[in-house]
C-alpha atoms as a PDB file:
ATOM      1  CA  MET A   1      75.628 -29.482  15.635  1.00  0.00           C
ATOM      2  CA  THR A   2      79.474 -28.852  15.142  1.00  0.00           C
ATOM      3  CA  VAL A   3      81.080 -26.725  18.024  1.00  0.00           C
ATOM      4  CA  PRO A   4      83.137 -23.841  16.735  1.00  0.00           C
ATOM      5  CA  SER A   5      86.751 -23.412  17.716  1.00  0.00           C
ATOM      6  CA  TYR A   6      85.982 -20.497  19.929  1.00  0.00           C
ATOM      7  CA  LEU A   7      83.971 -22.914  22.352  1.00  0.00           C
ATOM      8  CA  GLU A   8      85.532 -25.549  24.384  1.00  0.00           C
ATOM      9  CA  PRO A   9      84.375 -27.712  27.320  1.00  0.00           C
ATOM     10  CA  HIS A  10      85.027 -26.905  30.982  1.00  0.00           C
ATOM     11  CA  PRO A  11      84.121 -28.638  34.148  1.00  0.00           C
ATOM     12  CA  ASP A  12      81.965 -25.920  35.237  1.00  0.00           C
ATOM     13  CA  GLY A  13      80.320 -25.208  31.826  1.00  0.00           C
ATOM     14  CA  ALA A  14      82.227 -23.804  28.748  1.00  0.00           C
ATOM     15  CA  LEU A  15      84.939 -21.515  27.940  1.00  0.00           C
ATOM     16  CA  LEU A  16      84.150 -18.783  25.184  1.00  0.00           C
ATOM     17  CA  THR A  17      87.020 -17.054  23.352  1.00  0.00           C
ATOM     18  CA  VAL A  18      85.817 -13.492  21.958  1.00  0.00           C
ATOM     19  CA  TRP A  19      87.343 -10.700  20.291  1.00  0.00           C
ATOM     20  CA  VAL A  20      85.606  -7.431  21.423  1.00  0.00           C
ATOM     21  CA  VAL A  21      85.172  -4.453  19.650  1.00  0.00           C
ATOM     22  CA  PRO A  22      84.512  -1.376  22.136  1.00  0.00           C
ATOM     23  CA  GLY A  23      82.865   1.870  21.400  1.00  0.00           C
ATOM     24  CA  ALA A  24      80.416   0.352  18.702  1.00  0.00           C
ATOM     25  CA  ARG A  25      77.037   2.021  17.650  1.00  0.00           C
ATOM     26  CA  ARG A  26      75.365  -1.054  19.106  1.00  0.00           C
ATOM     27  CA  THR A  27      76.019  -4.099  21.176  1.00  0.00           C
ATOM     28  CA  GLU A  28      75.819  -7.470  18.972  1.00  0.00           C
ATOM     29  CA  VAL A  29      77.182 -10.694  18.264  1.00  0.00           C
ATOM     30  CA  VAL A  30      78.956 -10.409  14.903  1.00  0.00           C
ATOM     31  CA  GLY A  31      80.359 -13.712  13.936  1.00  0.00           C
ATOM     32  CA  PRO A  32      83.425 -15.844  13.826  1.00  0.00           C
ATOM     33  CA  HIS A  33      86.760 -13.729  13.749  1.00  0.00           C
ATOM     34  CA  GLY A  34      89.732 -16.159  13.208  1.00  0.00           C
ATOM     35  CA  ASP A  35      89.428 -18.767  16.411  1.00  0.00           C
ATOM     36  CA  ALA A  36      87.256 -16.214  18.273  1.00  0.00           C
ATOM     37  CA  LEU A  37      83.826 -14.934  18.268  1.00  0.00           C
ATOM     38  CA  LYS A  38      83.620 -11.077  17.265  1.00  0.00           C
ATOM     39  CA  ILE A  39      81.213  -9.032  19.514  1.00  0.00           C
ATOM     40  CA  ARG A  40      80.772  -5.327  19.338  1.00  0.00           C
ATOM     41  CA  VAL A  41      79.792  -3.541  22.544  1.00  0.00           C
ATOM     42  CA  ALA A  42      78.439   0.184  22.731  1.00  0.00           C
ATOM     43  CA  ALA A  43      80.362   0.806  25.872  1.00  0.00           C
ATOM     44  CA  PRO A  44      83.686   2.660  25.904  1.00  0.00           C
ATOM     45  CA  PRO A  45      86.946   0.580  26.833  1.00  0.00           C
ATOM     46  CA  GLU A  46      87.401   2.611  29.997  1.00  0.00           C
ATOM     47  CA  ALA A  47      87.081   1.496  33.819  1.00  0.00           C
ATOM     48  CA  GLY A  48      85.656  -2.096  32.752  1.00  0.00           C
ATOM     49  CA  LYS A  49      82.391  -0.770  31.150  1.00  0.00           C
ATOM     50  CA  ALA A  50      82.968  -2.630  28.074  1.00  0.00           C
ATOM     51  CA  ASN A  51      83.610  -5.983  29.850  1.00  0.00           C
ATOM     52  CA  ARG A  52      80.647  -5.440  31.879  1.00  0.00           C
ATOM     53  CA  GLU A  53      78.414  -4.796  28.798  1.00  0.00           C
ATOM     54  CA  LEU A  54      79.949  -7.965  27.329  1.00  0.00           C
ATOM     55  CA  ALA A  55      79.292 -10.077  30.223  1.00  0.00           C
ATOM     56  CA  LYS A  56      75.555  -8.518  30.242  1.00  0.00           C
ATOM     57  CA  LEU A  57      74.882  -9.279  26.821  1.00  0.00           C
ATOM     58  CA  LEU A  58      76.115 -13.124  27.158  1.00  0.00           C
ATOM     59  CA  GLU A  59      74.434 -13.761  30.426  1.00  0.00           C
ATOM     60  CA  ARG A  60      71.058 -12.147  28.568  1.00  0.00           C
ATOM     61  CA  VAL A  61      71.651 -14.627  25.406  1.00  0.00           C
ATOM     62  CA  THR A  62      72.780 -17.787  27.108  1.00  0.00           C
ATOM     63  CA  GLY A  63      70.827 -17.290  30.537  1.00  0.00           C
ATOM     64  CA  ALA A  64      73.817 -18.373  32.321  1.00  0.00           C
ATOM     65  CA  SER A  65      76.408 -16.803  34.620  1.00  0.00           C
ATOM     66  CA  VAL A  66      79.465 -15.463  32.784  1.00  0.00           C
ATOM     67  CA  THR A  67      82.974 -14.721  34.248  1.00  0.00           C
ATOM     68  CA  LEU A  68      85.905 -13.202  32.694  1.00  0.00           C
ATOM     69  CA  ALA A  69      88.708 -15.668  33.129  1.00  0.00           C
ATOM     70  CA  ARG A  70      91.395 -13.910  30.991  1.00  0.00           C
ATOM     71  CA  GLY A  71      91.858 -10.702  29.072  1.00  0.00           C
ATOM     72  CA  THR A  72      90.764  -7.902  31.294  1.00  0.00           C
ATOM     73  CA  THR A  73      92.322  -5.167  29.257  1.00  0.00           C
ATOM     74  CA  SER A  74      92.725  -7.037  25.988  1.00  0.00           C
ATOM     75  CA  ARG A  75      90.564  -7.187  22.957  1.00  0.00           C
ATOM     76  CA  ARG A  76      90.909 -10.913  23.256  1.00  0.00           C
ATOM     77  CA  LYS A  77      89.003 -12.532  26.130  1.00  0.00           C
ATOM     78  CA  LEU A  78      88.313 -15.679  27.549  1.00  0.00           C
ATOM     79  CA  LEU A  79      84.959 -16.217  29.234  1.00  0.00           C
ATOM     80  CA  LEU A  80      83.706 -19.114  31.436  1.00  0.00           C
ATOM     81  CA  ILE A  81      79.939 -19.430  30.987  1.00  0.00           C
ATOM     82  CA  GLU A  82      78.506 -21.633  33.816  1.00  0.00           C
ATOM     83  CA  GLY A  83      76.305 -24.489  33.631  1.00  0.00           C
ATOM     84  CA  VAL A  84      75.723 -24.737  29.880  1.00  0.00           C
ATOM     85  CA  SER A  85      77.549 -26.962  27.357  1.00  0.00           C
ATOM     86  CA  PRO A  86      79.627 -25.709  24.123  1.00  0.00           C
ATOM     87  CA  GLU A  87      76.547 -26.972  22.019  1.00  0.00           C
ATOM     88  CA  GLN A  88      74.115 -25.005  23.786  1.00  0.00           C
ATOM     89  CA  ILE A  89      76.077 -21.813  23.864  1.00  0.00           C
ATOM     90  CA  ALA A  90      76.644 -22.486  20.114  1.00  0.00           C
ATOM     91  CA  ALA A  91      72.775 -22.564  19.421  1.00  0.00           C
ATOM     92  CA  CYS A  92      72.492 -19.311  21.377  1.00  0.00           C
ATOM     93  CA  LEU A  93      75.002 -17.255  19.938  1.00  0.00           C
ATOM     94  CA  GLU A  94      74.013 -16.909  16.186  1.00  0.00           C
ATOM     95  CA  PRO A  95      74.851 -13.451  14.970  1.00  0.00           C
ATOM     96  CA  THR A  96      72.177 -11.288  16.881  1.00  0.00           C
ATOM     97  CA  ARG A  97      71.230  -7.642  17.564  1.00  0.00           C
ATOM     98  CA  PRO A  98      69.558  -7.039  20.675  1.00  0.00           C
END
């Protein structure tokens, strides 16, 4: 399997670059968006709600711990997904609706 450009290896797992669209009708993985993975979240972009919903979605989909490494207030975020390889994450992150 080819690893998409939005995933890169990290000593603790993998780094995932995402483009987040907060305030969507539903939370879902949309697909590639340039060099990032586009994800819509239903939570509003206030008080960290969208970030928490994003982490919750990724933890549920990958079964791993997710930490926001960069982009707390930006739509473009870098997340550390611990204990899994980029290949494993790529397999889990096919566009999906919860």
